[in-house]
N, C-alpha and C. Protein backbone atom coordinates (compact mmCIF):
# COMPACT_ATOMS: atom_id res chain seq x y z
N MET A 1 -11.32 -24.71 5.33
CA MET A 1 -10.55 -23.49 5.43
C MET A 1 -9.63 -23.41 4.22
N ILE A 2 -9.52 -22.23 3.66
CA ILE A 2 -8.70 -22.00 2.47
C ILE A 2 -7.36 -21.44 2.90
N PHE A 3 -6.29 -21.94 2.33
CA PHE A 3 -4.99 -21.33 2.53
C PHE A 3 -4.60 -20.69 1.22
N SER A 4 -4.44 -19.39 1.23
CA SER A 4 -4.08 -18.66 0.02
C SER A 4 -2.86 -17.81 0.32
N GLY A 5 -1.71 -18.25 -0.13
CA GLY A 5 -0.48 -17.51 0.16
C GLY A 5 -0.25 -17.48 1.65
N THR A 6 -0.36 -16.30 2.23
CA THR A 6 -0.15 -16.16 3.67
C THR A 6 -1.43 -15.86 4.41
N SER A 7 -2.59 -15.96 3.73
CA SER A 7 -3.83 -15.60 4.41
C SER A 7 -4.73 -16.83 4.59
N TYR A 8 -5.41 -16.87 5.71
CA TYR A 8 -6.36 -17.92 6.00
C TYR A 8 -7.76 -17.34 5.92
N CYS A 9 -8.67 -18.11 5.42
CA CYS A 9 -10.03 -17.64 5.24
C CYS A 9 -10.97 -18.80 5.53
N SER A 10 -12.07 -18.53 6.21
CA SER A 10 -13.01 -19.60 6.53
C SER A 10 -14.17 -19.63 5.54
N VAL A 11 -13.98 -19.07 4.36
CA VAL A 11 -14.99 -19.06 3.32
C VAL A 11 -14.82 -20.31 2.48
N PRO A 12 -15.91 -20.96 2.07
CA PRO A 12 -15.78 -22.14 1.22
C PRO A 12 -15.05 -21.80 -0.08
N ALA A 13 -14.24 -22.72 -0.54
CA ALA A 13 -13.46 -22.49 -1.76
C ALA A 13 -14.33 -22.65 -2.99
N ASP A 14 -14.45 -21.60 -3.75
CA ASP A 14 -15.06 -21.65 -5.07
C ASP A 14 -14.40 -20.58 -5.93
N ASP A 15 -14.69 -20.58 -7.21
CA ASP A 15 -14.02 -19.66 -8.12
C ASP A 15 -14.29 -18.20 -7.76
N GLU A 16 -15.52 -17.89 -7.33
CA GLU A 16 -15.84 -16.50 -7.01
C GLU A 16 -15.09 -16.02 -5.78
N SER A 17 -15.02 -16.83 -4.73
CA SER A 17 -14.34 -16.40 -3.52
C SER A 17 -12.83 -16.28 -3.73
N MET A 18 -12.28 -17.05 -4.64
CA MET A 18 -10.86 -17.00 -4.91
C MET A 18 -10.49 -15.89 -5.88
N ALA A 19 -11.48 -15.27 -6.54
CA ALA A 19 -11.20 -14.23 -7.52
C ALA A 19 -10.47 -13.05 -6.89
N GLY A 20 -10.80 -12.71 -5.66
CA GLY A 20 -10.15 -11.59 -5.00
C GLY A 20 -8.94 -11.98 -4.18
N ALA A 21 -8.58 -13.24 -4.19
CA ALA A 21 -7.45 -13.70 -3.36
C ALA A 21 -6.15 -13.02 -3.76
N ASP A 22 -5.93 -12.81 -5.06
CA ASP A 22 -4.71 -12.16 -5.49
C ASP A 22 -4.62 -10.73 -4.96
N VAL A 23 -5.74 -10.03 -4.96
CA VAL A 23 -5.76 -8.65 -4.46
C VAL A 23 -5.50 -8.64 -2.96
N ILE A 24 -6.11 -9.58 -2.23
CA ILE A 24 -5.88 -9.67 -0.79
C ILE A 24 -4.41 -9.98 -0.51
N ASP A 25 -3.84 -10.89 -1.26
CA ASP A 25 -2.42 -11.20 -1.10
C ASP A 25 -1.57 -9.96 -1.36
N GLU A 26 -1.95 -9.18 -2.36
CA GLU A 26 -1.22 -7.96 -2.70
C GLU A 26 -1.29 -6.94 -1.57
N LEU A 27 -2.42 -6.87 -0.90
CA LEU A 27 -2.58 -5.93 0.21
C LEU A 27 -1.70 -6.30 1.40
N GLN A 28 -1.30 -7.55 1.48
CA GLN A 28 -0.48 -8.01 2.60
C GLN A 28 1.00 -7.72 2.40
N GLY A 29 1.39 -7.27 1.23
CA GLY A 29 2.79 -7.04 0.94
C GLY A 29 3.40 -5.95 1.82
N ARG A 30 4.68 -6.07 2.05
CA ARG A 30 5.39 -5.09 2.87
C ARG A 30 5.34 -3.72 2.22
N TRP A 31 5.09 -2.71 3.00
CA TRP A 31 4.99 -1.31 2.61
C TRP A 31 3.70 -0.97 1.88
N THR A 32 2.88 -1.94 1.57
CA THR A 32 1.65 -1.69 0.82
C THR A 32 0.73 -0.74 1.56
N LEU A 33 0.52 -0.98 2.81
CA LEU A 33 -0.39 -0.14 3.57
C LEU A 33 0.11 1.30 3.62
N GLN A 34 1.40 1.49 3.85
CA GLN A 34 1.95 2.84 3.89
C GLN A 34 1.79 3.55 2.55
N ILE A 35 2.01 2.83 1.47
CA ILE A 35 1.86 3.40 0.13
C ILE A 35 0.41 3.79 -0.11
N LEU A 36 -0.51 2.87 0.21
CA LEU A 36 -1.93 3.16 -0.01
C LEU A 36 -2.41 4.32 0.86
N LEU A 37 -1.92 4.41 2.09
CA LEU A 37 -2.30 5.53 2.95
C LEU A 37 -1.81 6.86 2.36
N CYS A 38 -0.62 6.87 1.82
CA CYS A 38 -0.12 8.09 1.16
C CYS A 38 -0.98 8.46 -0.04
N LEU A 39 -1.28 7.47 -0.86
CA LEU A 39 -2.06 7.74 -2.07
C LEU A 39 -3.52 8.04 -1.76
N ASN A 40 -3.99 7.62 -0.61
CA ASN A 40 -5.35 7.95 -0.19
C ASN A 40 -5.51 9.46 -0.02
N ALA A 41 -4.42 10.13 0.31
CA ALA A 41 -4.43 11.58 0.49
C ALA A 41 -4.39 12.32 -0.85
N GLY A 42 -4.10 11.61 -1.93
CA GLY A 42 -4.04 12.23 -3.26
C GLY A 42 -2.86 11.69 -4.05
N ALA A 43 -2.74 12.17 -5.27
CA ALA A 43 -1.68 11.71 -6.17
C ALA A 43 -0.31 12.12 -5.65
N HIS A 44 0.67 11.24 -5.81
CA HIS A 44 2.03 11.49 -5.36
C HIS A 44 3.01 11.09 -6.46
N ARG A 45 4.08 11.86 -6.58
CA ARG A 45 5.20 11.46 -7.44
C ARG A 45 6.03 10.43 -6.68
N PHE A 46 6.87 9.72 -7.38
CA PHE A 46 7.75 8.73 -6.76
C PHE A 46 8.57 9.39 -5.66
N SER A 47 9.13 10.55 -5.95
CA SER A 47 9.97 11.23 -4.95
C SER A 47 9.16 11.65 -3.73
N ASP A 48 7.89 11.98 -3.91
CA ASP A 48 7.03 12.31 -2.77
C ASP A 48 6.81 11.08 -1.89
N LEU A 49 6.60 9.93 -2.52
CA LEU A 49 6.42 8.69 -1.77
C LEU A 49 7.70 8.32 -1.02
N ARG A 50 8.86 8.51 -1.66
CA ARG A 50 10.14 8.23 -1.00
C ARG A 50 10.31 9.11 0.23
N ALA A 51 9.93 10.37 0.11
CA ALA A 51 10.05 11.30 1.24
C ALA A 51 9.06 10.94 2.35
N ALA A 52 7.89 10.48 1.98
CA ALA A 52 6.85 10.14 2.96
C ALA A 52 7.15 8.83 3.69
N ILE A 53 7.86 7.92 3.01
CA ILE A 53 8.19 6.62 3.60
C ILE A 53 9.71 6.42 3.46
N PRO A 54 10.49 7.14 4.24
CA PRO A 54 11.95 7.10 4.05
C PRO A 54 12.59 5.75 4.38
N GLN A 55 11.89 4.88 5.10
CA GLN A 55 12.48 3.59 5.47
C GLN A 55 12.55 2.62 4.29
N VAL A 56 11.77 2.83 3.25
CA VAL A 56 11.72 1.90 2.13
C VAL A 56 12.78 2.28 1.09
N ALA A 57 13.50 1.28 0.62
CA ALA A 57 14.52 1.50 -0.41
C ALA A 57 13.84 1.80 -1.74
N ALA A 58 14.50 2.56 -2.58
CA ALA A 58 13.93 2.97 -3.87
C ALA A 58 13.55 1.76 -4.73
N ASN A 59 14.41 0.74 -4.77
CA ASN A 59 14.10 -0.42 -5.60
C ASN A 59 12.90 -1.19 -5.07
N VAL A 60 12.75 -1.24 -3.74
CA VAL A 60 11.60 -1.92 -3.14
C VAL A 60 10.32 -1.14 -3.43
N LEU A 61 10.39 0.18 -3.30
CA LEU A 61 9.23 1.02 -3.60
C LEU A 61 8.82 0.84 -5.06
N THR A 62 9.77 0.80 -5.95
CA THR A 62 9.47 0.60 -7.37
C THR A 62 8.75 -0.73 -7.58
N ARG A 63 9.26 -1.80 -6.96
CA ARG A 63 8.61 -3.11 -7.11
C ARG A 63 7.20 -3.12 -6.53
N ARG A 64 7.01 -2.49 -5.38
CA ARG A 64 5.68 -2.45 -4.75
C ARG A 64 4.71 -1.65 -5.63
N LEU A 65 5.16 -0.53 -6.16
CA LEU A 65 4.30 0.28 -7.03
C LEU A 65 3.90 -0.51 -8.28
N ARG A 66 4.85 -1.20 -8.87
CA ARG A 66 4.54 -2.01 -10.06
C ARG A 66 3.55 -3.12 -9.72
N ALA A 67 3.74 -3.77 -8.57
CA ALA A 67 2.84 -4.86 -8.18
C ALA A 67 1.44 -4.32 -7.91
N LEU A 68 1.35 -3.19 -7.24
CA LEU A 68 0.03 -2.60 -6.96
C LEU A 68 -0.64 -2.13 -8.25
N GLU A 69 0.15 -1.63 -9.17
CA GLU A 69 -0.39 -1.20 -10.46
C GLU A 69 -0.89 -2.41 -11.25
N SER A 70 -0.14 -3.50 -11.25
CA SER A 70 -0.58 -4.69 -11.99
C SER A 70 -1.79 -5.34 -11.34
N ALA A 71 -1.95 -5.15 -10.03
CA ALA A 71 -3.14 -5.67 -9.34
C ALA A 71 -4.35 -4.76 -9.54
N GLY A 72 -4.13 -3.60 -10.15
CA GLY A 72 -5.23 -2.68 -10.42
C GLY A 72 -5.62 -1.80 -9.25
N LEU A 73 -4.77 -1.75 -8.22
CA LEU A 73 -5.09 -0.94 -7.04
C LEU A 73 -4.63 0.51 -7.17
N ILE A 74 -3.59 0.74 -7.95
CA ILE A 74 -3.13 2.11 -8.19
C ILE A 74 -2.97 2.32 -9.69
N GLU A 75 -2.95 3.58 -10.08
CA GLU A 75 -2.76 3.95 -11.48
C GLU A 75 -1.61 4.94 -11.57
N ARG A 76 -0.90 4.86 -12.68
CA ARG A 76 0.20 5.80 -12.95
C ARG A 76 -0.25 6.71 -14.08
N HIS A 77 -0.09 8.00 -13.87
CA HIS A 77 -0.46 8.99 -14.88
C HIS A 77 0.74 9.89 -15.16
N TYR A 78 0.84 10.31 -16.40
CA TYR A 78 1.92 11.20 -16.79
C TYR A 78 1.39 12.62 -16.85
N LEU A 79 2.12 13.53 -16.22
CA LEU A 79 1.73 14.94 -16.24
C LEU A 79 2.31 15.60 -17.48
N PRO A 80 1.61 16.58 -18.03
CA PRO A 80 2.12 17.27 -19.22
C PRO A 80 3.28 18.20 -18.85
N PRO A 81 4.10 18.56 -19.85
CA PRO A 81 5.19 19.50 -19.59
C PRO A 81 4.61 20.81 -19.06
N PRO A 82 5.32 21.55 -18.28
CA PRO A 82 6.73 21.44 -17.96
C PRO A 82 7.03 20.43 -16.87
N ALA A 83 6.04 19.92 -16.18
CA ALA A 83 6.29 18.98 -15.09
C ALA A 83 6.93 17.70 -15.62
N ALA A 84 6.36 17.15 -16.68
CA ALA A 84 6.87 15.92 -17.31
C ALA A 84 7.22 14.85 -16.27
N ARG A 85 6.34 14.66 -15.35
CA ARG A 85 6.53 13.67 -14.30
C ARG A 85 5.37 12.70 -14.31
N GLN A 86 5.58 11.57 -13.69
CA GLN A 86 4.48 10.63 -13.52
C GLN A 86 4.04 10.67 -12.06
N VAL A 87 2.76 10.50 -11.86
CA VAL A 87 2.21 10.46 -10.51
C VAL A 87 1.42 9.18 -10.34
N TYR A 88 1.33 8.75 -9.11
CA TYR A 88 0.58 7.55 -8.76
C TYR A 88 -0.62 7.99 -7.93
N GLU A 89 -1.75 7.29 -8.15
CA GLU A 89 -2.94 7.55 -7.35
C GLU A 89 -3.75 6.27 -7.23
N LEU A 90 -4.68 6.26 -6.26
CA LEU A 90 -5.54 5.10 -6.11
C LEU A 90 -6.37 4.91 -7.37
N ALA A 91 -6.51 3.67 -7.79
CA ALA A 91 -7.31 3.35 -8.96
C ALA A 91 -8.79 3.33 -8.57
N THR A 92 -9.64 3.39 -9.56
CA THR A 92 -11.08 3.30 -9.34
C THR A 92 -11.43 2.00 -8.63
N LYS A 93 -10.71 0.93 -8.99
CA LYS A 93 -10.93 -0.38 -8.38
C LYS A 93 -10.70 -0.34 -6.87
N ALA A 94 -9.84 0.57 -6.40
CA ALA A 94 -9.51 0.66 -4.98
C ALA A 94 -10.42 1.63 -4.23
N ALA A 95 -11.44 2.15 -4.89
CA ALA A 95 -12.34 3.11 -4.23
C ALA A 95 -12.99 2.52 -2.99
N GLY A 96 -13.26 1.23 -3.00
CA GLY A 96 -13.85 0.57 -1.85
C GLY A 96 -12.92 0.52 -0.64
N LEU A 97 -11.63 0.68 -0.87
CA LEU A 97 -10.66 0.68 0.22
C LEU A 97 -10.57 2.04 0.91
N LYS A 98 -11.12 3.08 0.26
CA LYS A 98 -10.99 4.44 0.80
C LYS A 98 -11.54 4.54 2.22
N ALA A 99 -12.69 3.97 2.48
CA ALA A 99 -13.28 4.04 3.83
C ALA A 99 -12.38 3.35 4.85
N VAL A 100 -11.79 2.22 4.46
CA VAL A 100 -10.88 1.50 5.35
C VAL A 100 -9.62 2.32 5.60
N LEU A 101 -9.06 2.89 4.55
CA LEU A 101 -7.85 3.70 4.69
C LEU A 101 -8.13 4.95 5.52
N ASP A 102 -9.30 5.58 5.32
CA ASP A 102 -9.68 6.74 6.13
C ASP A 102 -9.79 6.35 7.61
N ALA A 103 -10.39 5.20 7.88
CA ALA A 103 -10.54 4.73 9.27
C ALA A 103 -9.17 4.46 9.89
N LEU A 104 -8.26 3.86 9.14
CA LEU A 104 -6.91 3.62 9.66
C LEU A 104 -6.19 4.93 9.93
N GLU A 105 -6.37 5.89 9.06
CA GLU A 105 -5.75 7.20 9.25
C GLU A 105 -6.31 7.89 10.49
N ASP A 106 -7.63 7.79 10.68
CA ASP A 106 -8.26 8.36 11.88
C ASP A 106 -7.73 7.68 13.14
N TRP A 107 -7.60 6.35 13.10
CA TRP A 107 -7.08 5.62 14.24
C TRP A 107 -5.65 6.05 14.55
N ARG A 108 -4.83 6.17 13.50
CA ARG A 108 -3.44 6.57 13.68
C ARG A 108 -3.35 7.97 14.30
N ALA A 109 -4.23 8.87 13.86
CA ALA A 109 -4.23 10.23 14.41
C ALA A 109 -4.68 10.24 15.87
N ALA A 110 -5.59 9.34 16.23
CA ALA A 110 -6.09 9.26 17.60
C ALA A 110 -5.13 8.53 18.53
N ASN A 111 -4.19 7.80 17.96
CA ASN A 111 -3.23 7.02 18.75
C ASN A 111 -1.80 7.37 18.35
N PRO A 112 -1.36 8.57 18.65
CA PRO A 112 -0.03 8.99 18.19
C PRO A 112 1.12 8.20 18.83
N THR A 113 0.86 7.50 19.92
CA THR A 113 1.92 6.73 20.55
C THR A 113 1.98 5.29 20.07
N ALA A 114 1.08 4.92 19.14
CA ALA A 114 1.10 3.56 18.60
C ALA A 114 2.41 3.34 17.85
N PRO A 115 3.01 2.15 17.98
CA PRO A 115 4.28 1.90 17.29
C PRO A 115 4.11 1.96 15.78
N SER A 116 5.12 2.46 15.11
CA SER A 116 5.11 2.54 13.66
C SER A 116 6.09 1.53 13.10
N ALA A 117 6.09 1.38 11.78
CA ALA A 117 7.02 0.46 11.12
C ALA A 117 8.46 0.89 11.39
N ALA A 118 8.69 2.21 11.50
CA ALA A 118 10.03 2.71 11.75
C ALA A 118 10.55 2.26 13.11
N ASP A 119 9.64 2.06 14.08
CA ASP A 119 10.04 1.63 15.41
C ASP A 119 10.58 0.21 15.41
N HIS A 120 10.29 -0.56 14.37
CA HIS A 120 10.70 -1.96 14.31
C HIS A 120 11.69 -2.21 13.18
N SER A 121 12.35 -1.17 12.72
CA SER A 121 13.31 -1.36 11.64
C SER A 121 14.53 -2.12 12.16
N PRO A 122 15.21 -2.89 11.32
CA PRO A 122 16.38 -3.67 11.77
C PRO A 122 17.47 -2.79 12.38
N GLN A 123 17.69 -1.59 11.82
CA GLN A 123 18.72 -0.71 12.34
C GLN A 123 18.39 -0.28 13.77
N LYS A 124 17.13 0.00 14.03
CA LYS A 124 16.72 0.44 15.36
C LYS A 124 16.84 -0.69 16.37
N GLU A 125 16.48 -1.91 15.96
CA GLU A 125 16.54 -3.05 16.86
C GLU A 125 17.98 -3.41 17.21
N GLU A 126 18.93 -3.21 16.28
CA GLU A 126 20.33 -3.50 16.55
C GLU A 126 20.89 -2.55 17.60
N LYS A 127 20.42 -1.31 17.63
CA LYS A 127 20.92 -0.31 18.56
C LYS A 127 20.40 -0.55 19.97
N GLN A 128 19.28 -1.23 20.12
CA GLN A 128 18.67 -1.41 21.43
C GLN A 128 19.34 -2.45 22.26
């Protein structure tokens, strides 16, 4: 059994199986799934992502976006003036995740009472 960061895998350890370990570790990061689900719907500006995931602090969102970009899962593009903004979108490398993200989105829509990350925020737990 391989131990890679926080993930366990029953695949024999070799260079090929470990090649994707960094990407898998990146997918496990906090807020990653929410960011990828937003970007699965299309390109978003930083402010759009902040509005879509209000529980995440701006500095944390910045770090997660940079980490996902360095892992090759998202791309940053600059829009021409007058917008003069940058947008984030899923990278070509992440195209294989689209079916998984679509399935998660379908599940979330079919289960509106499922707990969300906001339901487990520290502020909410302190009030209970």
